[in-house]
């Protein structure tokens, strides 16, 4: 949780696995997701981590299955050492325009068993 300018955001990294990577190539992609808006970002954070006052196991977070729908943006970031801008993709999610849904909580995956995906309430 943080801010982009004055806009409250919840930011996390979505990791996607894929089969058939070429030898020497990674079999994962990493996608930065930014959820904008104070109320909406708080709802998403609670869906991902649970209530703020409840302890959570970071290992379970790695196994959650999450559906994200939003806009892909290319965001510039200035690097002072090189005096250059670098651009990286971000999935921007705004309430009413995109969504973030936990479709499987990961507890069964962490325990080594399969679970049927169920929509979050």
Foldseek 3Di string as FASTA:
>chain_A
DQDDVNWDKAKDKDKDAAPDDDVPDDRIDIAIEIETHDVRRVVVVCQQANDPPDDGDVVQSVQWDKDKDADKDWDWDADPVVRDIDTDIHGYHYPPHMDMWGQGRRPQVSVPHDDDTHTDD
